Amino acid sequence: MNIWLAIGLTVVGCYAVKLVGLLVPAGVLERPLVRRLAALLPVALLAALTAQQAFADGRTLVLDARAAGLVAAAVALLLRAPFLLVVAAAVLVTAGVRALGG
């Protein structure tokens, strides 16, 4: 029963956040600080999620095949590779390190 309560509260919370976003006056959204924040916030959240998934295992720091794949993706991005090539490089390096026992 607790899980359904959590799901229900999450649904209500998501709907409330979406409703609040629709009720914000247009003048507030045109402010330079709000525009800059709206542009940078998704990037920061994605970077934090990527770091947490690549380097954490519960409450401990882990450097394993995931970190090697992330480094390979970063190198591919620095070389301005297309997105699919970046993903392929990360997958291949991660699989290779895991196959070698890392």
Protein backbone atom coordinates (compact mmCIF):
# COMPACT_ATOMS: atom_id res chain seq x y z
CA MET A 1 0.00 0.00 0.00
CA ASN A 2 2.87 2.39 0.75
CA ILE A 3 4.19 2.08 -2.80
CA TRP A 4 0.84 3.15 -4.26
CA LEU A 5 0.71 6.11 -1.90
CA ALA A 6 4.19 7.14 -3.06
CA ILE A 7 3.17 6.76 -6.71
CA GLY A 8 0.01 8.79 -6.13
CA LEU A 9 1.90 11.58 -4.35
CA THR A 10 4.47 11.63 -7.15
CA VAL A 11 1.71 11.96 -9.77
CA VAL A 12 0.06 14.81 -7.85
CA GLY A 13 3.43 16.50 -7.32
CA CYS A 14 4.37 16.29 -11.01
CA TYR A 15 0.99 17.68 -12.04
CA ALA A 16 1.31 20.53 -9.51
CA VAL A 17 4.79 21.46 -10.78
CA LYS A 18 3.54 21.47 -14.37
CA LEU A 19 0.52 23.60 -13.40
CA VAL A 20 2.70 26.10 -11.54
CA GLY A 21 4.94 26.34 -14.62
CA LEU A 22 1.93 27.19 -16.79
CA LEU A 23 0.74 29.85 -14.34
CA VAL A 24 4.03 31.81 -14.33
CA PRO A 25 3.49 35.22 -15.96
CA ALA A 26 5.23 35.76 -19.31
CA GLY A 27 7.08 38.78 -17.92
CA VAL A 28 8.92 36.63 -15.42
CA LEU A 29 10.06 34.23 -18.16
CA GLU A 30 11.55 37.09 -20.20
CA ARG A 31 14.00 38.19 -17.50
CA PRO A 32 17.66 37.59 -18.47
CA LEU A 33 18.45 35.69 -15.26
CA VAL A 34 15.52 33.31 -15.75
CA ARG A 35 16.46 32.72 -19.40
CA ARG A 36 20.07 32.00 -18.47
CA LEU A 37 19.01 29.68 -15.67
CA ALA A 38 16.62 27.84 -17.99
CA ALA A 39 19.45 27.31 -20.47
CA LEU A 40 22.03 26.10 -17.94
CA LEU A 41 19.95 24.06 -15.50
CA PRO A 42 19.30 21.04 -17.79
CA VAL A 43 23.02 20.78 -18.58
CA ALA A 44 23.95 20.87 -14.90
CA LEU A 45 21.34 18.25 -14.00
CA LEU A 46 22.46 15.94 -16.81
CA ALA A 47 26.10 16.31 -15.78
CA ALA A 48 25.24 15.50 -12.16
CA LEU A 49 23.23 12.43 -13.15
CA THR A 50 26.01 11.22 -15.44
CA ALA A 51 28.64 11.64 -12.73
CA GLN A 52 26.47 9.87 -10.16
CA GLN A 53 25.82 6.93 -12.48
CA ALA A 54 29.43 6.68 -13.64
CA PHE A 55 31.30 7.04 -10.36
CA ALA A 56 28.96 5.98 -7.55
CA ASP A 57 27.76 2.66 -6.22
CA GLY A 58 25.46 3.43 -3.33
CA ARG A 59 27.56 5.56 -1.03
CA THR A 60 31.02 4.63 -2.32
CA LEU A 61 33.18 6.00 -5.10
CA VAL A 62 33.80 3.42 -7.83
CA LEU A 63 36.18 3.63 -10.78
CA ASP A 64 35.33 0.78 -13.13
CA ALA A 65 34.43 0.17 -16.77
CA ARG A 66 31.75 2.87 -16.66
CA ALA A 67 34.38 5.51 -15.95
CA ALA A 68 36.50 4.28 -18.87
CA GLY A 69 33.49 4.52 -21.16
CA LEU A 70 32.79 8.05 -19.96
CA VAL A 71 36.39 9.04 -20.67
CA ALA A 72 36.10 7.55 -24.17
CA ALA A 73 32.90 9.53 -24.78
CA ALA A 74 34.59 12.72 -23.56
CA VAL A 75 37.51 12.18 -25.92
CA ALA A 76 35.13 11.56 -28.82
CA LEU A 77 33.27 14.76 -27.95
CA LEU A 78 36.53 16.73 -27.86
CA LEU A 79 37.29 15.37 -31.33
CA ARG A 80 33.84 16.63 -32.40
CA ALA A 81 32.56 13.19 -33.33
CA PRO A 82 28.88 12.74 -34.20
CA PHE A 83 26.59 11.75 -31.33
CA LEU A 84 26.14 8.14 -32.44
CA LEU A 85 29.91 7.72 -32.68
CA VAL A 86 30.30 9.14 -29.16
CA VAL A 87 27.78 6.62 -27.83
CA ALA A 88 29.41 3.78 -29.79
CA ALA A 89 32.85 4.68 -28.44
CA ALA A 90 31.55 4.67 -24.88
CA VAL A 91 29.80 1.34 -25.35
CA LEU A 92 32.78 -0.34 -27.01
CA VAL A 93 35.29 0.86 -24.42
CA THR A 94 33.01 -0.08 -21.52
CA ALA A 95 32.41 -3.55 -23.00
CA GLY A 96 36.12 -3.98 -23.72
CA VAL A 97 37.17 -3.08 -20.18
CA ARG A 98 34.51 -5.40 -18.73
CA ALA A 99 35.64 -8.22 -21.06
CA LEU A 100 39.22 -7.76 -19.84
CA GLY A 101 38.00 -8.21 -16.29
CA GLY A 102 37.81 -4.62 -15.10
